[in-house]
Amino acid sequence: MATYKQIQAHIKEKYGYTAKTCWIAHMKEISGLKPKMSVRRYSPESRVHPCPQSKQNDIREAFKYFNMI
């Protein structure tokens, strides 16, 4: 499984922006990959920064690139 840094580097190289780690964790959760809970996360039921709809396909593509899904 790819690290958050590897996913961020892939997205930066291919799409020209750096994905936030909270976006990656949100997409892992949506994709059924069971991310670890951040120690800085206030509530397991809510997200302060969910992944924007416009970035979800890019992150999903990165998961496929790394054979995570």
C-alpha atoms as a PDB file:
ATOM      1  CA  MET A   1       0.000   0.000   0.000  1.00  0.00           C
ATOM      2  CA  ALA A   2       1.321   3.428  -0.949  1.00  0.00           C
ATOM      3  CA  THR A   3       2.106   6.019   1.694  1.00  0.00           C
ATOM      4  CA  TYR A   4       0.397   9.380   1.890  1.00  0.00           C
ATOM      5  CA  LYS A   5       3.628  11.032   0.685  1.00  0.00           C
ATOM      6  CA  GLN A   6       3.773   8.773  -2.383  1.00  0.00           C
ATOM      7  CA  ILE A   7       0.144   9.525  -3.215  1.00  0.00           C
ATOM      8  CA  GLN A   8       0.738  13.253  -2.748  1.00  0.00           C
ATOM      9  CA  ALA A   9       3.831  13.140  -4.984  1.00  0.00           C
ATOM     10  CA  HIS A  10       1.926  11.277  -7.720  1.00  0.00           C
ATOM     11  CA  ILE A  11      -0.950  13.783  -7.644  1.00  0.00           C
ATOM     12  CA  LYS A  12       1.478  16.736  -7.604  1.00  0.00           C
ATOM     13  CA  GLU A  13       3.337  15.366 -10.625  1.00  0.00           C
ATOM     14  CA  LYS A  14       0.235  14.424 -12.623  1.00  0.00           C
ATOM     15  CA  TYR A  15      -2.278  17.132 -11.660  1.00  0.00           C
ATOM     16  CA  GLY A  16      -0.118  19.988 -10.342  1.00  0.00           C
ATOM     17  CA  TYR A  17      -1.452  20.335  -6.799  1.00  0.00           C
ATOM     18  CA  THR A  18      -0.727  18.751  -3.437  1.00  0.00           C
ATOM     19  CA  ALA A  19      -3.594  16.748  -1.982  1.00  0.00           C
ATOM     20  CA  LYS A  20      -4.207  17.247   1.736  1.00  0.00           C
ATOM     21  CA  THR A  21      -3.708  14.160   3.867  1.00  0.00           C
ATOM     22  CA  CYS A  22      -7.248  14.557   5.221  1.00  0.00           C
ATOM     23  CA  TRP A  23      -8.557  14.340   1.632  1.00  0.00           C
ATOM     24  CA  ILE A  24      -6.620  11.116   1.097  1.00  0.00           C
ATOM     25  CA  ALA A  25      -7.957   9.679   4.371  1.00  0.00           C
ATOM     26  CA  HIS A  26     -11.503  10.645   3.389  1.00  0.00           C
ATOM     27  CA  MET A  27     -11.127   8.952   0.006  1.00  0.00           C
ATOM     28  CA  LYS A  28      -9.648   5.850   1.673  1.00  0.00           C
ATOM     29  CA  GLU A  29     -12.713   5.721   3.890  1.00  0.00           C
ATOM     30  CA  ILE A  30     -15.057   6.120   0.896  1.00  0.00           C
ATOM     31  CA  SER A  31     -13.141   3.415  -0.993  1.00  0.00           C
ATOM     32  CA  GLY A  32     -13.303   0.974   1.922  1.00  0.00           C
ATOM     33  CA  LEU A  33      -9.563   1.008   2.691  1.00  0.00           C
ATOM     34  CA  LYS A  34      -9.856   1.637   6.467  1.00  0.00           C
ATOM     35  CA  PRO A  35      -7.494   4.570   7.148  1.00  0.00           C
ATOM     36  CA  LYS A  36      -5.954   5.008  10.568  1.00  0.00           C
ATOM     37  CA  MET A  37      -7.560   7.646  12.778  1.00  0.00           C
ATOM     38  CA  SER A  38      -5.474  10.801  13.056  1.00  0.00           C
ATOM     39  CA  VAL A  39      -4.622  11.877  16.591  1.00  0.00           C
ATOM     40  CA  ARG A  40      -5.653  15.389  15.573  1.00  0.00           C
ATOM     41  CA  ARG A  41      -9.138  14.341  14.486  1.00  0.00           C
ATOM     42  CA  TYR A  42     -11.716  15.694  16.893  1.00  0.00           C
ATOM     43  CA  SER A  43     -14.622  13.397  16.149  1.00  0.00           C
ATOM     44  CA  PRO A  44     -14.736  10.039  14.344  1.00  0.00           C
ATOM     45  CA  GLU A  45     -18.199  10.902  12.974  1.00  0.00           C
ATOM     46  CA  SER A  46     -17.369  14.203  11.272  1.00  0.00           C
ATOM     47  CA  ARG A  47     -14.671  15.677   9.052  1.00  0.00           C
ATOM     48  CA  VAL A  48     -13.396  19.242   9.214  1.00  0.00           C
ATOM     49  CA  HIS A  49     -11.972  19.072   5.667  1.00  0.00           C
ATOM     50  CA  PRO A  50     -13.730  16.454   3.526  1.00  0.00           C
ATOM     51  CA  CYS A  51     -12.321  15.825   0.074  1.00  0.00           C
ATOM     52  CA  PRO A  52     -13.822  18.228  -2.482  1.00  0.00           C
ATOM     53  CA  GLN A  53     -15.860  16.585  -5.224  1.00  0.00           C
ATOM     54  CA  SER A  54     -13.526  18.075  -7.854  1.00  0.00           C
ATOM     55  CA  LYS A  55     -10.488  16.249  -6.394  1.00  0.00           C
ATOM     56  CA  GLN A  56     -12.031  12.852  -5.704  1.00  0.00           C
ATOM     57  CA  ASN A  57     -11.412  11.381  -9.154  1.00  0.00           C
ATOM     58  CA  ASP A  58      -7.738  12.429  -9.045  1.00  0.00           C
ATOM     59  CA  ILE A  59      -7.190  10.707  -5.701  1.00  0.00           C
ATOM     60  CA  ARG A  60      -9.147   7.630  -6.816  1.00  0.00           C
ATOM     61  CA  GLU A  61      -6.896   7.469  -9.904  1.00  0.00           C
ATOM     62  CA  ALA A  62      -3.826   7.589  -7.653  1.00  0.00           C
ATOM     63  CA  PHE A  63      -5.226   4.664  -5.641  1.00  0.00           C
ATOM     64  CA  LYS A  64      -5.618   2.697  -8.873  1.00  0.00           C
ATOM     65  CA  TYR A  65      -2.097   3.680  -9.967  1.00  0.00           C
ATOM     66  CA  PHE A  66      -0.712   2.193  -6.737  1.00  0.00           C
ATOM     67  CA  ASN A  67      -3.019  -0.877  -7.004  1.00  0.00           C
ATOM     68  CA  MET A  68      -4.802  -0.002  -3.782  1.00  0.00           C
ATOM     69  CA  ILE A  69      -8.255  -0.449  -5.312  1.00  0.00           C
END
